[in-house]
Structure formats: structure tokens, C-alpha cells
Amino acid sequence: LLLDALPRTPSGKVDRRALPAPDEAFQPIQH
């Protein structure tokens, strides 16, 4: 998933719990 910015905690670390949920259908690399 491409994002404009990673969500951060007040201390500046990446807030992994605030990341958006991915689509349920994972797409393979190959077409």
C-alpha cells in the first residue's frame, strides 16, 4: 500500500496500529 506518510506516535515512532487495513484480496506480483 502506498501512503502519503506513515502515522506516528507523539514520540515520533511509527504507529503500526493506525495503519490502514489492506484489501482482503491480495494480488500476486505476476499478472
ModelCIF file with pLDDT and N, C-alpha, C, O atoms, coordinates in Angstrom:
data_MODEL
#
_entry.id   MODEL 
#
_entity.id                         1 
_entity.type                       polymer 
_entity.pdbx_number_of_molecules   1 
#
_entity_poly.entity_id                      1 
_entity_poly.type                           'polypeptide(L)' 
_entity_poly.nstd_linkage                   no 
_entity_poly.nstd_monomer                   no 
_entity_poly.pdbx_seq_one_letter_code       LLLDALPRTPSGKVDRRALPAPDEAFQPIQH 
_entity_poly.pdbx_seq_one_letter_code_can   LLLDALPRTPSGKVDRRALPAPDEAFQPIQH 
_entity_poly.pdbx_strand_id                 A 
#
loop_
_entity_poly_seq.entity_id 
_entity_poly_seq.num 
_entity_poly_seq.mon_id 
_entity_poly_seq.hetero 
1 1  LEU n 
1 2  LEU n 
1 3  LEU n 
1 4  ASP n 
1 5  ALA n 
1 6  LEU n 
1 7  PRO n 
1 8  ARG n 
1 9  THR n 
1 10 PRO n 
1 11 SER n 
1 12 GLY n 
1 13 LYS n 
1 14 VAL n 
1 15 ASP n 
1 16 ARG n 
1 17 ARG n 
1 18 ALA n 
1 19 LEU n 
1 20 PRO n 
1 21 ALA n 
1 22 PRO n 
1 23 ASP n 
1 24 GLU n 
1 25 ALA n 
1 26 PHE n 
1 27 GLN n 
1 28 PRO n 
1 29 ILE n 
1 30 GLN n 
1 31 HIS n 
#
_struct_asym.id          A 
_struct_asym.entity_id   1 
#
loop_
_ma_qa_metric.id 
_ma_qa_metric.mode 
_ma_qa_metric.name 
_ma_qa_metric.software_group_id 
_ma_qa_metric.type 
1 global pLDDT . pLDDT 
2 local  pLDDT . pLDDT 
#
_ma_qa_metric_global.metric_id      1 
_ma_qa_metric_global.metric_value   74.77 
_ma_qa_metric_global.model_id       1 
_ma_qa_metric_global.ordinal_id     1 
#
loop_
_ma_qa_metric_local.label_asym_id 
_ma_qa_metric_local.label_comp_id 
_ma_qa_metric_local.label_seq_id 
_ma_qa_metric_local.metric_id 
_ma_qa_metric_local.metric_value 
_ma_qa_metric_local.model_id 
_ma_qa_metric_local.ordinal_id 
A LEU 1  2 88.00 1 1  
A LEU 2  2 89.00 1 2  
A LEU 3  2 89.00 1 3  
A ASP 4  2 88.00 1 4  
A ALA 5  2 87.00 1 5  
A LEU 6  2 89.00 1 6  
A PRO 7  2 89.00 1 7  
A ARG 8  2 85.00 1 8  
A THR 9  2 82.00 1 9  
A PRO 10 2 78.00 1 10 
A SER 11 2 70.00 1 11 
A GLY 12 2 72.00 1 12 
A LYS 13 2 77.00 1 13 
A VAL 14 2 83.00 1 14 
A ASP 15 2 86.00 1 15 
A ARG 16 2 84.00 1 16 
A ARG 17 2 83.00 1 17 
A ALA 18 2 87.00 1 18 
A LEU 19 2 89.00 1 19 
A PRO 20 2 85.00 1 20 
A ALA 21 2 78.00 1 21 
A PRO 22 2 76.00 1 22 
A ASP 23 2 62.00 1 23 
A GLU 24 2 49.00 1 24 
A ALA 25 2 44.00 1 25 
A PHE 26 2 51.00 1 26 
A GLN 27 2 51.00 1 27 
A PRO 28 2 51.00 1 28 
A ILE 29 2 49.00 1 29 
A GLN 30 2 57.00 1 30 
A HIS 31 2 70.00 1 31 
#
loop_
_atom_site.group_PDB 
_atom_site.id 
_atom_site.type_symbol 
_atom_site.label_atom_id 
_atom_site.label_alt_id 
_atom_site.label_comp_id 
_atom_site.label_asym_id 
_atom_site.label_entity_id 
_atom_site.label_seq_id 
_atom_site.pdbx_PDB_ins_code 
_atom_site.Cartn_x 
_atom_site.Cartn_y 
_atom_site.Cartn_z 
_atom_site.occupancy 
_atom_site.B_iso_or_equiv 
_atom_site.pdbx_formal_charge 
_atom_site.auth_seq_id 
_atom_site.auth_comp_id 
_atom_site.auth_asym_id 
_atom_site.auth_atom_id 
_atom_site.pdbx_PDB_model_num 
ATOM 1   N N  . LEU A 1 1  ? 0.845  -1.186  0.000   1.00 88.00 ? 1  LEU A N  1 
ATOM 2   C CA . LEU A 1 1  ? 0.000  0.000   0.000   1.00 88.00 ? 1  LEU A CA 1 
ATOM 3   C C  . LEU A 1 1  ? 0.884  1.242   0.000   1.00 88.00 ? 1  LEU A C  1 
ATOM 4   O O  . LEU A 1 1  ? 1.816  1.341   0.799   1.00 88.00 ? 1  LEU A O  1 
ATOM 5   N N  . LEU A 1 2  ? 0.598  2.185   -0.889  1.00 89.00 ? 2  LEU A N  1 
ATOM 6   C CA . LEU A 1 2  ? 1.342  3.433   -0.966  1.00 89.00 ? 2  LEU A CA 1 
ATOM 7   C C  . LEU A 1 2  ? 0.618  4.498   -0.141  1.00 89.00 ? 2  LEU A C  1 
ATOM 8   O O  . LEU A 1 2  ? -0.589 4.689   -0.289  1.00 89.00 ? 2  LEU A O  1 
ATOM 9   N N  . LEU A 1 3  ? 1.351  5.183   0.718   1.00 89.00 ? 3  LEU A N  1 
ATOM 10  C CA . LEU A 1 3  ? 0.789  6.198   1.605   1.00 89.00 ? 3  LEU A CA 1 
ATOM 11  C C  . LEU A 1 3  ? 1.515  7.514   1.408   1.00 89.00 ? 3  LEU A C  1 
ATOM 12  O O  . LEU A 1 3  ? 2.668  7.543   0.978   1.00 89.00 ? 3  LEU A O  1 
ATOM 13  N N  . ASP A 1 4  ? 0.820  8.621   1.733   1.00 88.00 ? 4  ASP A N  1 
ATOM 14  C CA . ASP A 1 4  ? 1.464  9.935   1.709   1.00 88.00 ? 4  ASP A CA 1 
ATOM 15  C C  . ASP A 1 4  ? 2.455  10.075  2.855   1.00 88.00 ? 4  ASP A C  1 
ATOM 16  O O  . ASP A 1 4  ? 3.483  10.737  2.719   1.00 88.00 ? 4  ASP A O  1 
ATOM 17  N N  . ALA A 1 5  ? 2.137  9.441   4.000   1.00 87.00 ? 5  ALA A N  1 
ATOM 18  C CA . ALA A 1 5  ? 3.017  9.487   5.166   1.00 87.00 ? 5  ALA A CA 1 
ATOM 19  C C  . ALA A 1 5  ? 2.644  8.347   6.094   1.00 87.00 ? 5  ALA A C  1 
ATOM 20  O O  . ALA A 1 5  ? 1.510  7.869   6.071   1.00 87.00 ? 5  ALA A O  1 
ATOM 21  N N  . LEU A 1 6  ? 3.588  7.912   6.908   1.00 89.00 ? 6  LEU A N  1 
ATOM 22  C CA . LEU A 1 6  ? 3.325  6.879   7.902   1.00 89.00 ? 6  LEU A CA 1 
ATOM 23  C C  . LEU A 1 6  ? 2.780  7.530   9.170   1.00 89.00 ? 6  LEU A C  1 
ATOM 24  O O  . LEU A 1 6  ? 3.301  8.559   9.598   1.00 89.00 ? 6  LEU A O  1 
ATOM 25  N N  . PRO A 1 7  ? 1.744  6.954   9.779   1.00 89.00 ? 7  PRO A N  1 
ATOM 26  C CA . PRO A 1 7  ? 1.238  7.522   11.034  1.00 89.00 ? 7  PRO A CA 1 
ATOM 27  C C  . PRO A 1 7  ? 2.292  7.416   12.130  1.00 89.00 ? 7  PRO A C  1 
ATOM 28  O O  . PRO A 1 7  ? 3.023  6.429   12.206  1.00 89.00 ? 7  PRO A O  1 
ATOM 29  N N  . ARG A 1 8  ? 2.363  8.436   12.975  1.00 85.00 ? 8  ARG A N  1 
ATOM 30  C CA . ARG A 1 8  ? 3.385  8.487   14.013  1.00 85.00 ? 8  ARG A CA 1 
ATOM 31  C C  . ARG A 1 8  ? 2.762  8.653   15.396  1.00 85.00 ? 8  ARG A C  1 
ATOM 32  O O  . ARG A 1 8  ? 1.688  9.236   15.551  1.00 85.00 ? 8  ARG A O  1 
ATOM 33  N N  . THR A 1 9  ? 3.461  8.126   16.386  1.00 82.00 ? 9  THR A N  1 
ATOM 34  C CA . THR A 1 9  ? 3.078  8.352   17.776  1.00 82.00 ? 9  THR A CA 1 
ATOM 35  C C  . THR A 1 9  ? 3.622  9.713   18.207  1.00 82.00 ? 9  THR A C  1 
ATOM 36  O O  . THR A 1 9  ? 4.433  10.299  17.491  1.00 82.00 ? 9  THR A O  1 
ATOM 37  N N  . PRO A 1 10 ? 3.193  10.230  19.368  1.00 78.00 ? 10 PRO A N  1 
ATOM 38  C CA . PRO A 1 10 ? 3.736  11.522  19.835  1.00 78.00 ? 10 PRO A CA 1 
ATOM 39  C C  . PRO A 1 10 ? 5.251  11.532  19.966  1.00 78.00 ? 10 PRO A C  1 
ATOM 40  O O  . PRO A 1 10 ? 5.873  12.590  19.863  1.00 78.00 ? 10 PRO A O  1 
ATOM 41  N N  . SER A 1 11 ? 5.860  10.359  20.193  1.00 70.00 ? 11 SER A N  1 
ATOM 42  C CA . SER A 1 11 ? 7.319  10.293  20.316  1.00 70.00 ? 11 SER A CA 1 
ATOM 43  C C  . SER A 1 11 ? 8.021  10.203  18.971  1.00 70.00 ? 11 SER A C  1 
ATOM 44  O O  . SER A 1 11 ? 9.251  10.224  18.909  1.00 70.00 ? 11 SER A O  1 
ATOM 45  N N  . GLY A 1 12 ? 7.240  10.103  17.883  1.00 72.00 ? 12 GLY A N  1 
ATOM 46  C CA . GLY A 1 12 ? 7.826  10.088  16.550  1.00 72.00 ? 12 GLY A CA 1 
ATOM 47  C C  . GLY A 1 12 ? 8.011  8.716   15.949  1.00 72.00 ? 12 GLY A C  1 
ATOM 48  O O  . GLY A 1 12 ? 8.458  8.611   14.807  1.00 72.00 ? 12 GLY A O  1 
ATOM 49  N N  . LYS A 1 13 ? 7.681  7.644   16.682  1.00 77.00 ? 13 LYS A N  1 
ATOM 50  C CA . LYS A 1 13 ? 7.811  6.296   16.132  1.00 77.00 ? 13 LYS A CA 1 
ATOM 51  C C  . LYS A 1 13 ? 6.588  5.956   15.286  1.00 77.00 ? 13 LYS A C  1 
ATOM 52  O O  . LYS A 1 13 ? 5.529  6.568   15.430  1.00 77.00 ? 13 LYS A O  1 
ATOM 53  N N  . VAL A 1 14 ? 6.746  4.976   14.404  1.00 83.00 ? 14 VAL A N  1 
ATOM 54  C CA . VAL A 1 14 ? 5.640  4.577   13.539  1.00 83.00 ? 14 VAL A CA 1 
ATOM 55  C C  . VAL A 1 14 ? 4.531  3.949   14.386  1.00 83.00 ? 14 VAL A C  1 
ATOM 56  O O  . VAL A 1 14 ? 4.781  3.048   15.187  1.00 83.00 ? 14 VAL A O  1 
ATOM 57  N N  . ASP A 1 15 ? 3.318  4.431   14.200  1.00 86.00 ? 15 ASP A N  1 
ATOM 58  C CA . ASP A 1 15 ? 2.150  3.884   14.903  1.00 86.00 ? 15 ASP A CA 1 
ATOM 59  C C  . ASP A 1 15 ? 1.552  2.792   14.025  1.00 86.00 ? 15 ASP A C  1 
ATOM 60  O O  . ASP A 1 15 ? 0.719  3.065   13.161  1.00 86.00 ? 15 ASP A O  1 
ATOM 61  N N  . ARG A 1 16 ? 1.978  1.565   14.249  1.00 84.00 ? 16 ARG A N  1 
ATOM 62  C CA . ARG A 1 16 ? 1.555  0.463   13.398  1.00 84.00 ? 16 ARG A CA 1 
ATOM 63  C C  . ARG A 1 16 ? 0.065  0.174   13.519  1.00 84.00 ? 16 ARG A C  1 
ATOM 64  O O  . ARG A 1 16 ? -0.555 -0.301  12.567  1.00 84.00 ? 16 ARG A O  1 
ATOM 65  N N  . ARG A 1 17 ? -0.507 0.455   14.677  1.00 83.00 ? 17 ARG A N  1 
ATOM 66  C CA . ARG A 1 17 ? -1.934 0.190   14.861  1.00 83.00 ? 17 ARG A CA 1 
ATOM 67  C C  . ARG A 1 17 ? -2.803 1.164   14.073  1.00 83.00 ? 17 ARG A C  1 
ATOM 68  O O  . ARG A 1 17 ? -3.977 0.887   13.830  1.00 83.00 ? 17 ARG A O  1 
ATOM 69  N N  . ALA A 1 18 ? -2.241 2.296   13.674  1.00 87.00 ? 18 ALA A N  1 
ATOM 70  C CA . ALA A 1 18 ? -3.014 3.292   12.925  1.00 87.00 ? 18 ALA A CA 1 
ATOM 71  C C  . ALA A 1 18 ? -2.890 3.109   11.416  1.00 87.00 ? 18 ALA A C  1 
ATOM 72  O O  . ALA A 1 18 ? -3.467 3.884   10.652  1.00 87.00 ? 18 ALA A O  1 
ATOM 73  N N  . LEU A 1 19 ? -2.152 2.103   10.981  1.00 89.00 ? 19 LEU A N  1 
ATOM 74  C CA . LEU A 1 19 ? -2.022 1.861   9.537   1.00 89.00 ? 19 LEU A CA 1 
ATOM 75  C C  . LEU A 1 19 ? -3.350 1.364   8.979   1.00 89.00 ? 19 LEU A C  1 
ATOM 76  O O  . LEU A 1 19 ? -4.051 0.606   9.648   1.00 89.00 ? 19 LEU A O  1 
ATOM 77  N N  . PRO A 1 20 ? -3.704 1.773   7.777   1.00 85.00 ? 20 PRO A N  1 
ATOM 78  C CA . PRO A 1 20 ? -4.977 1.320   7.197   1.00 85.00 ? 20 PRO A CA 1 
ATOM 79  C C  . PRO A 1 20 ? -4.966 -0.172  6.919   1.00 85.00 ? 20 PRO A C  1 
ATOM 80  O O  . PRO A 1 20 ? -3.927 -0.745  6.593   1.00 85.00 ? 20 PRO A O  1 
ATOM 81  N N  . ALA A 1 21 ? -6.127 -0.796  7.050   1.00 78.00 ? 21 ALA A N  1 
ATOM 82  C CA . ALA A 1 21 ? -6.238 -2.233  6.786   1.00 78.00 ? 21 ALA A CA 1 
ATOM 83  C C  . ALA A 1 21 ? -6.089 -2.489  5.288   1.00 78.00 ? 21 ALA A C  1 
ATOM 84  O O  . ALA A 1 21 ? -6.630 -1.737  4.477   1.00 78.00 ? 21 ALA A O  1 
ATOM 85  N N  . PRO A 1 22 ? -5.370 -3.529  4.917   1.00 76.00 ? 22 PRO A N  1 
ATOM 86  C CA . PRO A 1 22 ? -5.213 -3.841  3.493   1.00 76.00 ? 22 PRO A CA 1 
ATOM 87  C C  . PRO A 1 22 ? -6.486 -4.464  2.936   1.00 76.00 ? 22 PRO A C  1 
ATOM 88  O O  . PRO A 1 22 ? -7.344 -4.926  3.687   1.00 76.00 ? 22 PRO A O  1 
ATOM 89  N N  . ASP A 1 23 ? -6.596 -4.470  1.634   1.00 62.00 ? 23 ASP A N  1 
ATOM 90  C CA . ASP A 1 23 ? -7.714 -5.149  0.994   1.00 62.00 ? 23 ASP A CA 1 
ATOM 91  C C  . ASP A 1 23 ? -7.643 -6.632  1.292   1.00 62.00 ? 23 ASP A C  1 
ATOM 92  O O  . ASP A 1 23 ? -6.552 -7.188  1.412   1.00 62.00 ? 23 ASP A O  1 
ATOM 93  N N  . GLU A 1 24 ? -8.777 -7.270  1.412   1.00 49.00 ? 24 GLU A N  1 
ATOM 94  C CA . GLU A 1 24 ? -8.804 -8.697  1.718   1.00 49.00 ? 24 GLU A CA 1 
ATOM 95  C C  . GLU A 1 24 ? -8.224 -9.539  0.578   1.00 49.00 ? 24 GLU A C  1 
ATOM 96  O O  . GLU A 1 24 ? -7.658 -10.606 0.813   1.00 49.00 ? 24 GLU A O  1 
ATOM 97  N N  . ALA A 1 25 ? -8.367 -9.056  -0.637  1.00 44.00 ? 25 ALA A N  1 
ATOM 98  C CA . ALA A 1 25 ? -7.847 -9.812  -1.786  1.00 44.00 ? 25 ALA A CA 1 
ATOM 99  C C  . ALA A 1 25 ? -6.411 -9.389  -2.055  1.00 44.00 ? 25 ALA A C  1 
ATOM 100 O O  . ALA A 1 25 ? -6.175 -8.295  -2.566  1.00 44.00 ? 25 ALA A O  1 
ATOM 101 N N  . PHE A 1 26 ? -5.463 -10.230 -1.721  1.00 51.00 ? 26 PHE A N  1 
ATOM 102 C CA . PHE A 1 26 ? -4.067 -9.953  -2.002  1.00 51.00 ? 26 PHE A CA 1 
ATOM 103 C C  . PHE A 1 26 ? -3.797 -10.284 -3.468  1.00 51.00 ? 26 PHE A C  1 
ATOM 104 O O  . PHE A 1 26 ? -4.193 -11.337 -3.968  1.00 51.00 ? 26 PHE A O  1 
ATOM 105 N N  . GLN A 1 27 ? -3.131 -9.385  -4.125  1.00 51.00 ? 27 GLN A N  1 
ATOM 106 C CA . GLN A 1 27 ? -2.856 -9.579  -5.537  1.00 51.00 ? 27 GLN A CA 1 
ATOM 107 C C  . GLN A 1 27 ? -1.452 -10.138 -5.714  1.00 51.00 ? 27 GLN A C  1 
ATOM 108 O O  . GLN A 1 27 ? -0.517 -9.643  -5.084  1.00 51.00 ? 27 GLN A O  1 
ATOM 109 N N  . PRO A 1 28 ? -1.277 -11.148 -6.545  1.00 51.00 ? 28 PRO A N  1 
ATOM 110 C CA . PRO A 1 28 ? 0.063  -11.677 -6.802  1.00 51.00 ? 28 PRO A CA 1 
ATOM 111 C C  . PRO A 1 28 ? 0.891  -10.688 -7.595  1.00 51.00 ? 28 PRO A C  1 
ATOM 112 O O  . PRO A 1 28 ? 0.359  -9.785  -8.240  1.00 51.00 ? 28 PRO A O  1 
ATOM 113 N N  . ILE A 1 29 ? 2.209  -10.871 -7.540  1.00 49.00 ? 29 ILE A N  1 
ATOM 114 C CA . ILE A 1 29 ? 3.094  -9.987  -8.285  1.00 49.00 ? 29 ILE A CA 1 
ATOM 115 C C  . ILE A 1 29 ? 2.917  -10.184 -9.785  1.00 49.00 ? 29 ILE A C  1 
ATOM 116 O O  . ILE A 1 29 ? 2.885  -9.216  -10.545 1.00 49.00 ? 29 ILE A O  1 
ATOM 117 N N  . GLN A 1 30 ? 2.802  -11.446 -10.210 1.00 57.00 ? 30 GLN A N  1 
ATOM 118 C CA . GLN A 1 30 ? 2.647  -11.708 -11.636 1.00 57.00 ? 30 GLN A CA 1 
ATOM 119 C C  . GLN A 1 30 ? 1.254  -11.276 -12.094 1.00 57.00 ? 30 GLN A C  1 
ATOM 120 O O  . GLN A 1 30 ? 0.291  -11.329 -11.329 1.00 57.00 ? 30 GLN A O  1 
ATOM 121 N N  . HIS A 1 31 ? 1.167  -10.854 -13.338 1.00 70.00 ? 31 HIS A N  1 
ATOM 122 C CA . HIS A 1 31 ? -0.121 -10.535 -13.922 1.00 70.00 ? 31 HIS A CA 1 
ATOM 123 C C  . HIS A 1 31 ? -0.881 -11.833 -14.197 1.00 70.00 ? 31 HIS A C  1 
ATOM 124 O O  . HIS A 1 31 ? -2.005 -11.796 -14.697 1.00 70.00 ? 31 HIS A O  1 
#
